Amino acid sequence: MRPIPLSLALLTAAGLLAAQASAWAHGEEHGQVKVLQQQRPSNAPGKQAVMLTVSYAPGQASPAHRHPGAVMAYVLEGAVVSKLGDGQEKTYKAGEYWYEAPGTVHSVSRNASEAEPARLLVWSLVDEGRAVTEPLE
């Protein structure tokens, strides 16, 4: 069985997030996206905070996308190449992090290594009922 692309896993996870919390098995089954928690913060009515991990296999990449909410990403393991908006590609190593403003185009997101896995911790604040990740049109 071939693993699903990371972007599909993210979109599936995001769609399930809007539906219900208990439906995360699909993302976890493929090991790429794992939701750690989701909450409706009392000081941010209409918003949902989501914490998840994204795992990249060696050489794995995801297609260009955007996040409708704010995103903070932290590299837990390995190294990830990222390009946001019109910025330059940058390689983030374990212990490094970045911020994505709502709606920022994330045109490059890939494992920097062809031999080692990489894993991110991601936190997002998104409107309730909205997907965490949206494909570019």
Protein backbone atom coordinates (compact mmCIF):
# COMPACT_ATOMS: atom_id res chain seq x y z
CA MET A 1 0.00 0.00 0.00
CA ARG A 2 1.44 3.36 -1.05
CA PRO A 3 1.37 6.13 1.60
CA ILE A 4 -0.81 9.12 0.80
CA PRO A 5 0.93 12.43 -0.03
CA LEU A 6 1.51 14.74 2.93
CA SER A 7 -0.74 17.43 1.46
CA LEU A 8 -3.62 14.97 1.23
CA ALA A 9 -2.99 13.89 4.81
CA LEU A 10 -3.02 17.53 5.95
CA LEU A 11 -6.19 18.29 4.01
CA THR A 12 -7.88 15.16 5.32
CA ALA A 13 -6.85 16.02 8.86
CA ALA A 14 -8.02 19.59 8.45
CA GLY A 15 -11.39 18.50 7.09
CA LEU A 16 -11.84 16.04 9.91
CA LEU A 17 -10.94 18.77 12.39
CA ALA A 18 -13.92 20.75 11.24
CA ALA A 19 -16.13 17.68 11.55
CA GLN A 20 -15.17 16.14 14.91
CA ALA A 21 -12.24 15.48 17.20
CA SER A 22 -12.58 11.70 17.35
CA ALA A 23 -12.13 11.18 13.60
CA TRP A 24 -8.34 11.60 13.50
CA ALA A 25 -7.50 7.95 12.95
CA HIS A 26 -7.04 8.46 9.20
CA GLY A 27 -4.19 10.95 9.62
CA GLU A 28 -2.63 8.90 12.41
CA GLU A 29 -2.93 5.68 10.39
CA HIS A 30 -0.53 7.01 7.78
CA GLY A 31 1.77 8.46 10.44
CA GLN A 32 2.11 11.82 8.70
CA VAL A 33 -0.28 14.03 10.65
CA LYS A 34 -1.12 13.37 14.26
CA VAL A 35 -3.34 15.73 16.21
CA LEU A 36 -2.12 16.11 19.77
CA GLN A 37 -4.91 18.40 20.97
CA GLN A 38 -7.52 20.88 19.86
CA GLN A 39 -9.27 23.45 22.01
CA ARG A 40 -11.70 26.33 21.69
CA PRO A 41 -9.91 29.08 23.66
CA SER A 42 -12.30 31.05 25.88
CA ASN A 43 -10.41 34.27 25.07
CA ALA A 44 -10.75 33.78 21.30
CA PRO A 45 -14.45 33.25 20.49
CA GLY A 46 -15.06 31.58 17.14
CA LYS A 47 -11.51 30.22 16.98
CA GLN A 48 -10.04 26.77 17.41
CA ALA A 49 -6.45 26.09 18.52
CA VAL A 50 -4.88 22.94 17.09
CA MET A 51 -1.57 21.30 17.99
CA LEU A 52 -0.31 18.51 15.75
CA THR A 53 2.81 16.83 14.46
CA VAL A 54 3.70 16.44 10.79
CA SER A 55 6.17 13.71 9.86
CA TYR A 56 8.12 13.75 6.60
CA ALA A 57 9.69 10.56 5.29
CA PRO A 58 13.14 10.96 3.70
CA GLY A 59 12.79 13.09 0.57
CA GLN A 60 9.08 13.73 1.13
CA ALA A 61 7.54 17.07 0.15
CA SER A 62 4.09 18.60 0.11
CA PRO A 63 2.54 20.74 -2.63
CA ALA A 64 2.10 24.47 -2.21
CA HIS A 65 -0.66 25.39 0.22
CA ARG A 66 -1.80 28.04 2.67
CA HIS A 67 -3.14 28.08 6.19
CA PRO A 68 -6.17 30.33 6.78
CA GLY A 69 -5.15 30.77 10.42
CA ALA A 70 -1.89 31.71 12.13
CA VAL A 71 0.67 28.90 12.29
CA MET A 72 3.75 28.35 14.44
CA ALA A 73 6.01 25.45 13.46
CA TYR A 74 8.92 23.94 15.42
CA VAL A 75 11.29 21.31 14.02
CA LEU A 76 11.41 18.39 16.44
CA GLU A 77 13.65 16.13 14.38
CA GLY A 78 15.70 16.34 11.19
CA ALA A 79 15.58 19.37 8.91
CA VAL A 80 12.85 20.94 6.78
CA VAL A 81 13.13 23.29 3.81
CA SER A 82 10.42 25.96 3.79
CA LYS A 83 9.53 28.91 1.55
CA LEU A 84 6.88 31.39 2.63
CA GLY A 85 5.38 33.99 0.30
CA ASP A 86 8.04 35.78 -1.76
CA GLY A 87 10.80 34.90 0.72
CA GLN A 88 13.82 32.72 0.10
CA GLU A 89 13.91 28.98 0.77
CA LYS A 90 15.28 28.37 4.24
CA THR A 91 16.36 25.17 5.94
CA TYR A 92 15.21 24.80 9.54
CA LYS A 93 16.99 22.23 11.72
CA ALA A 94 15.83 20.53 14.92
CA GLY A 95 15.23 23.21 17.54
CA GLU A 96 14.47 25.98 15.02
CA TYR A 97 11.04 27.43 14.26
CA TRP A 98 9.02 29.84 12.14
CA TYR A 99 5.71 31.71 12.06
CA GLU A 100 3.21 31.89 9.20
CA ALA A 101 0.72 34.76 9.18
CA PRO A 102 -2.85 33.79 8.20
CA GLY A 103 -3.16 33.25 4.44
CA THR A 104 0.58 33.15 3.74
CA VAL A 105 1.44 31.01 0.71
CA HIS A 106 3.67 28.11 1.77
CA SER A 107 5.14 27.27 -1.63
CA VAL A 108 7.89 24.89 -0.44
CA SER A 109 7.70 22.43 2.44
CA ARG A 110 9.92 19.37 2.28
CA ASN A 111 12.30 17.16 4.17
CA ALA A 112 15.83 18.46 3.62
CA SER A 113 17.22 14.92 3.73
CA GLU A 114 16.90 12.02 1.33
CA ALA A 115 18.03 9.63 4.07
CA GLU A 116 16.62 10.80 7.42
CA PRO A 117 13.05 11.56 8.54
CA ALA A 118 11.92 14.98 9.76
CA ARG A 119 9.14 15.92 12.16
CA LEU A 120 7.43 19.22 12.98
CA LEU A 121 5.31 20.36 15.89
CA VAL A 122 2.64 22.69 14.52
CA TRP A 123 0.26 24.98 16.37
CA SER A 124 -2.51 26.81 14.52
CA LEU A 125 -5.30 29.20 15.47
CA VAL A 126 -8.07 28.93 12.90
CA ASP A 127 -11.71 29.94 12.59
CA GLU A 128 -14.03 27.20 13.85
CA GLY A 129 -15.25 25.02 10.98
CA ARG A 130 -12.34 26.04 8.75
CA ALA A 131 -9.65 23.65 7.54
CA VAL A 132 -6.16 24.03 9.01
CA THR A 133 -4.60 23.68 5.53
CA GLU A 134 -6.00 24.74 2.14
CA PRO A 135 -4.56 23.86 -1.27
CA LEU A 136 -3.64 26.68 -3.64
CA GLU A 137 -6.17 27.14 -6.41
